[in-house]
Amino acid sequence: MHFTRPRELLVAGVIGLGLVYFLFEAAYESMPSLPTLAGATLLVLAVGELVLAFVVRNRIRSGRVVTGIGIARAVALAKASSLLGALMLGAWLAGVAYLVPRSDELTAASDDLPAAIVGAGCAAALIAAALWLEHCCRAPESRDHDRDRRVTG
């Protein structure tokens, strides 16, 4: 398995942007209003992954990793979360792109715009936390490991 590539995130974001912008164009008038904290779930996931990243990093640095399966699961979670975050960032940005030009003429658009902005911010936070978790799951480089042996040995 390879670490997340920027182009994977870009493709997911463009897919989310395209699909949701089309949905806004087709059905915005019949949609209910967006709750302001609709994207907050992504922020909760980001905080959870941020905490997990620091736990994993401390365990790897101190050599307290019992098996690699837990690290592999954390990497899989990070990859899935970064792709979800990119998809949702594209979706929320589609909402922003659709609502900004219409916010002066439609009250519903101006009321929904804060929710789209909050959602985009929370999606960006999820991407950042997931990429940090993925980074923290990397094995230490051999020269760091040799340096630790010299210090303790």
C-alpha atoms as a PDB file:
ATOM      1  CA  MET A   1       0.000   0.000   0.000  1.00  0.00           C
ATOM      2  CA  HIS A   2       1.309   3.452  -0.850  1.00  0.00           C
ATOM      3  CA  PHE A   3       0.734   6.687   1.006  1.00  0.00           C
ATOM      4  CA  THR A   4      -1.923   9.091  -0.224  1.00  0.00           C
ATOM      5  CA  ARG A   5      -0.940  11.014  -3.319  1.00  0.00           C
ATOM      6  CA  PRO A   6      -2.083  14.585  -3.938  1.00  0.00           C
ATOM      7  CA  ARG A   7      -3.631  13.630  -7.280  1.00  0.00           C
ATOM      8  CA  GLU A   8      -5.906  11.106  -5.521  1.00  0.00           C
ATOM      9  CA  LEU A   9      -7.192  13.870  -3.280  1.00  0.00           C
ATOM     10  CA  LEU A  10      -7.576  16.221  -6.230  1.00  0.00           C
ATOM     11  CA  VAL A  11      -9.593  13.679  -8.223  1.00  0.00           C
ATOM     12  CA  ALA A  12     -11.886  13.004  -5.253  1.00  0.00           C
ATOM     13  CA  GLY A  13     -12.373  16.733  -4.714  1.00  0.00           C
ATOM     14  CA  VAL A  14     -13.212  17.374  -8.351  1.00  0.00           C
ATOM     15  CA  ILE A  15     -15.703  14.493  -8.352  1.00  0.00           C
ATOM     16  CA  GLY A  16     -17.401  15.863  -5.239  1.00  0.00           C
ATOM     17  CA  LEU A  17     -17.448  19.365  -6.688  1.00  0.00           C
ATOM     18  CA  GLY A  18     -18.928  18.280 -10.008  1.00  0.00           C
ATOM     19  CA  LEU A  19     -21.614  15.991  -8.628  1.00  0.00           C
ATOM     20  CA  VAL A  20     -22.826  18.325  -5.918  1.00  0.00           C
ATOM     21  CA  TYR A  21     -22.783  21.415  -8.110  1.00  0.00           C
ATOM     22  CA  PHE A  22     -24.974  19.530 -10.569  1.00  0.00           C
ATOM     23  CA  LEU A  23     -27.328  18.569  -7.717  1.00  0.00           C
ATOM     24  CA  PHE A  24     -27.498  22.190  -6.545  1.00  0.00           C
ATOM     25  CA  GLU A  25     -28.321  23.300 -10.101  1.00  0.00           C
ATOM     26  CA  ALA A  26     -31.007  20.650 -10.496  1.00  0.00           C
ATOM     27  CA  ALA A  27     -32.700  20.657  -7.103  1.00  0.00           C
ATOM     28  CA  TYR A  28     -31.711  23.601  -4.882  1.00  0.00           C
ATOM     29  CA  GLU A  29     -35.202  25.090  -4.922  1.00  0.00           C
ATOM     30  CA  SER A  30     -36.713  21.908  -3.486  1.00  0.00           C
ATOM     31  CA  MET A  31     -33.980  21.236  -0.901  1.00  0.00           C
ATOM     32  CA  PRO A  32     -34.461  21.979   2.790  1.00  0.00           C
ATOM     33  CA  SER A  33     -32.157  24.581   4.302  1.00  0.00           C
ATOM     34  CA  LEU A  34     -28.691  23.455   5.328  1.00  0.00           C
ATOM     35  CA  PRO A  35     -28.032  23.333   9.089  1.00  0.00           C
ATOM     36  CA  THR A  36     -25.092  25.564  10.017  1.00  0.00           C
ATOM     37  CA  LEU A  37     -23.218  22.736  11.723  1.00  0.00           C
ATOM     38  CA  ALA A  38     -23.932  20.131   9.028  1.00  0.00           C
ATOM     39  CA  GLY A  39     -20.219  19.609   8.396  1.00  0.00           C
ATOM     40  CA  ALA A  40     -19.253  19.439  12.070  1.00  0.00           C
ATOM     41  CA  THR A  41     -19.193  15.633  11.981  1.00  0.00           C
ATOM     42  CA  LEU A  42     -16.098  15.888   9.816  1.00  0.00           C
ATOM     43  CA  LEU A  43     -14.459  18.033  12.484  1.00  0.00           C
ATOM     44  CA  VAL A  44     -15.230  15.404  15.141  1.00  0.00           C
ATOM     45  CA  LEU A  45     -13.551  12.789  12.942  1.00  0.00           C
ATOM     46  CA  ALA A  46     -10.580  15.124  12.448  1.00  0.00           C
ATOM     47  CA  VAL A  47     -10.107  15.578  16.193  1.00  0.00           C
ATOM     48  CA  GLY A  48     -10.295  11.810  16.740  1.00  0.00           C
ATOM     49  CA  GLU A  49      -7.680  11.181  14.076  1.00  0.00           C
ATOM     50  CA  LEU A  50      -5.466  13.919  15.443  1.00  0.00           C
ATOM     51  CA  VAL A  51      -5.493  12.292  18.879  1.00  0.00           C
ATOM     52  CA  LEU A  52      -4.819   8.883  17.304  1.00  0.00           C
ATOM     53  CA  ALA A  53      -1.910  10.364  15.333  1.00  0.00           C
ATOM     54  CA  PHE A  54      -0.164  11.579  18.464  1.00  0.00           C
ATOM     55  CA  VAL A  55      -0.747   8.245  20.240  1.00  0.00           C
ATOM     56  CA  VAL A  56       0.624   6.272  17.282  1.00  0.00           C
ATOM     57  CA  ARG A  57       3.622   8.595  16.894  1.00  0.00           C
ATOM     58  CA  ASN A  58       4.521   8.280  20.583  1.00  0.00           C
ATOM     59  CA  ARG A  59       4.210   4.493  20.485  1.00  0.00           C
ATOM     60  CA  ILE A  60       6.388   4.200  17.381  1.00  0.00           C
ATOM     61  CA  ARG A  61       9.026   6.537  18.805  1.00  0.00           C
ATOM     62  CA  SER A  62       9.175   4.713  22.125  1.00  0.00           C
ATOM     63  CA  GLY A  63       9.172   1.249  20.517  1.00  0.00           C
ATOM     64  CA  ARG A  64       5.934   0.176  22.216  1.00  0.00           C
ATOM     65  CA  VAL A  65       4.295  -1.099  19.019  1.00  0.00           C
ATOM     66  CA  VAL A  66       3.359  -4.718  19.673  1.00  0.00           C
ATOM     67  CA  THR A  67       2.091  -5.571  16.173  1.00  0.00           C
ATOM     68  CA  GLY A  68       1.979  -3.778  12.890  1.00  0.00           C
ATOM     69  CA  ILE A  69      -1.700  -4.595  12.303  1.00  0.00           C
ATOM     70  CA  GLY A  70      -2.797  -1.655  14.451  1.00  0.00           C
ATOM     71  CA  ILE A  71      -0.562   0.674  12.466  1.00  0.00           C
ATOM     72  CA  ALA A  72      -1.869  -0.780   9.200  1.00  0.00           C
ATOM     73  CA  ARG A  73      -5.427  -0.144  10.374  1.00  0.00           C
ATOM     74  CA  ALA A  74      -4.528   3.429  11.272  1.00  0.00           C
ATOM     75  CA  VAL A  75      -3.032   3.964   7.802  1.00  0.00           C
ATOM     76  CA  ALA A  76      -6.168   2.533   6.182  1.00  0.00           C
ATOM     77  CA  LEU A  77      -8.312   4.834   8.311  1.00  0.00           C
ATOM     78  CA  ALA A  78      -6.145   7.797   7.366  1.00  0.00           C
ATOM     79  CA  LYS A  79      -6.330   7.016   3.647  1.00  0.00           C
ATOM     80  CA  ALA A  80     -10.092   6.581   3.733  1.00  0.00           C
ATOM     81  CA  SER A  81     -10.556   9.738   5.775  1.00  0.00           C
ATOM     82  CA  SER A  82      -8.376  11.874   3.549  1.00  0.00           C
ATOM     83  CA  LEU A  83     -10.334  10.716   0.492  1.00  0.00           C
ATOM     84  CA  LEU A  84     -13.636  11.343   2.278  1.00  0.00           C
ATOM     85  CA  GLY A  85     -12.396  14.766   3.330  1.00  0.00           C
ATOM     86  CA  ALA A  86     -11.388  15.611  -0.247  1.00  0.00           C
ATOM     87  CA  LEU A  87     -14.723  14.414  -1.605  1.00  0.00           C
ATOM     88  CA  MET A  88     -16.611  16.447   0.996  1.00  0.00           C
ATOM     89  CA  LEU A  89     -14.402  19.489   0.507  1.00  0.00           C
ATOM     90  CA  GLY A  90     -15.311  19.407  -3.155  1.00  0.00           C
ATOM     91  CA  ALA A  91     -18.979  19.014  -2.259  1.00  0.00           C
ATOM     92  CA  TRP A  92     -18.977  21.906   0.203  1.00  0.00           C
ATOM     93  CA  LEU A  93     -17.015  24.089  -2.209  1.00  0.00           C
ATOM     94  CA  ALA A  94     -19.660  23.335  -4.833  1.00  0.00           C
ATOM     95  CA  GLY A  95     -22.204  24.635  -2.365  1.00  0.00           C
ATOM     96  CA  VAL A  96     -20.148  27.777  -1.808  1.00  0.00           C
ATOM     97  CA  ALA A  97     -19.689  28.263  -5.557  1.00  0.00           C
ATOM     98  CA  TYR A  98     -23.410  27.887  -6.144  1.00  0.00           C
ATOM     99  CA  LEU A  99     -24.573  30.004  -3.196  1.00  0.00           C
ATOM    100  CA  VAL A 100     -22.206  32.998  -3.328  1.00  0.00           C
ATOM    101  CA  PRO A 101     -23.533  34.469  -6.604  1.00  0.00           C
ATOM    102  CA  ARG A 102     -27.136  33.905  -5.490  1.00  0.00           C
ATOM    103  CA  SER A 103     -26.830  35.144  -1.897  1.00  0.00           C
ATOM    104  CA  ASP A 104     -27.755  38.727  -2.829  1.00  0.00           C
ATOM    105  CA  GLU A 105     -30.984  37.738  -4.553  1.00  0.00           C
ATOM    106  CA  LEU A 106     -32.105  34.670  -2.553  1.00  0.00           C
ATOM    107  CA  THR A 107     -32.584  34.729   1.207  1.00  0.00           C
ATOM    108  CA  ALA A 108     -32.268  30.936   1.319  1.00  0.00           C
ATOM    109  CA  ALA A 109     -28.877  31.107  -0.392  1.00  0.00           C
ATOM    110  CA  SER A 110     -27.565  33.692   2.058  1.00  0.00           C
ATOM    111  CA  ASP A 111     -28.883  31.569   4.953  1.00  0.00           C
ATOM    112  CA  ASP A 112     -27.225  28.398   3.595  1.00  0.00           C
ATOM    113  CA  LEU A 113     -23.862  29.995   2.814  1.00  0.00           C
ATOM    114  CA  PRO A 114     -22.474  29.799   6.406  1.00  0.00           C
ATOM    115  CA  ALA A 115     -23.218  26.063   6.496  1.00  0.00           C
ATOM    116  CA  ALA A 116     -21.280  25.536   3.270  1.00  0.00           C
ATOM    117  CA  ILE A 117     -18.325  27.539   4.586  1.00  0.00           C
ATOM    118  CA  VAL A 118     -18.284  25.653   7.899  1.00  0.00           C
ATOM    119  CA  GLY A 119     -18.549  22.346   6.030  1.00  0.00           C
ATOM    120  CA  ALA A 120     -15.634  23.229   3.762  1.00  0.00           C
ATOM    121  CA  GLY A 121     -13.495  24.194   6.747  1.00  0.00           C
ATOM    122  CA  CYS A 122     -14.321  20.976   8.596  1.00  0.00           C
ATOM    123  CA  ALA A 123     -13.556  18.901   5.491  1.00  0.00           C
ATOM    124  CA  ALA A 124     -10.197  20.642   5.135  1.00  0.00           C
ATOM    125  CA  ALA A 125      -9.477  19.900   8.802  1.00  0.00           C
ATOM    126  CA  LEU A 126     -10.266  16.218   8.210  1.00  0.00           C
ATOM    127  CA  ILE A 127      -7.862  16.074   5.265  1.00  0.00           C
ATOM    128  CA  ALA A 128      -5.106  17.668   7.343  1.00  0.00           C
ATOM    129  CA  ALA A 129      -5.668  15.360  10.325  1.00  0.00           C
ATOM    130  CA  ALA A 130      -5.794  12.262   8.120  1.00  0.00           C
ATOM    131  CA  LEU A 131      -2.580  13.168   6.338  1.00  0.00           C
ATOM    132  CA  TRP A 132      -0.912  13.837   9.704  1.00  0.00           C
ATOM    133  CA  LEU A 133      -2.066  10.428  10.978  1.00  0.00           C
ATOM    134  CA  GLU A 134      -0.702   8.796   7.836  1.00  0.00           C
ATOM    135  CA  HIS A 135       2.614  10.601   8.346  1.00  0.00           C
ATOM    136  CA  CYS A 136       2.794   9.499  11.981  1.00  0.00           C
ATOM    137  CA  CYS A 137       2.368   5.858  10.942  1.00  0.00           C
ATOM    138  CA  ARG A 138       5.607   5.833   8.956  1.00  0.00           C
ATOM    139  CA  ALA A 139       8.354   3.604  10.280  1.00  0.00           C
ATOM    140  CA  PRO A 140      11.308   5.512  11.702  1.00  0.00           C
ATOM    141  CA  GLU A 141      14.237   5.843   9.348  1.00  0.00           C
ATOM    142  CA  SER A 142      17.123   3.457   9.955  1.00  0.00           C
ATOM    143  CA  ARG A 143      19.585   6.232  10.832  1.00  0.00           C
ATOM    144  CA  ASP A 144      17.231   7.430  13.585  1.00  0.00           C
ATOM    145  CA  HIS A 145      16.983   3.867  14.852  1.00  0.00           C
ATOM    146  CA  ASP A 146      20.790   3.487  14.822  1.00  0.00           C
ATOM    147  CA  ARG A 147      21.168   6.798  16.668  1.00  0.00           C
ATOM    148  CA  ASP A 148      18.700   5.635  19.342  1.00  0.00           C
ATOM    149  CA  ARG A 149      20.722   2.401  19.807  1.00  0.00           C
ATOM    150  CA  ARG A 150      23.952   4.369  20.299  1.00  0.00           C
ATOM    151  CA  VAL A 151      22.343   6.619  22.890  1.00  0.00           C
ATOM    152  CA  THR A 152      20.755   3.797  24.897  1.00  0.00           C
ATOM    153  CA  GLY A 153      23.349   1.086  24.170  1.00  0.00           C
END
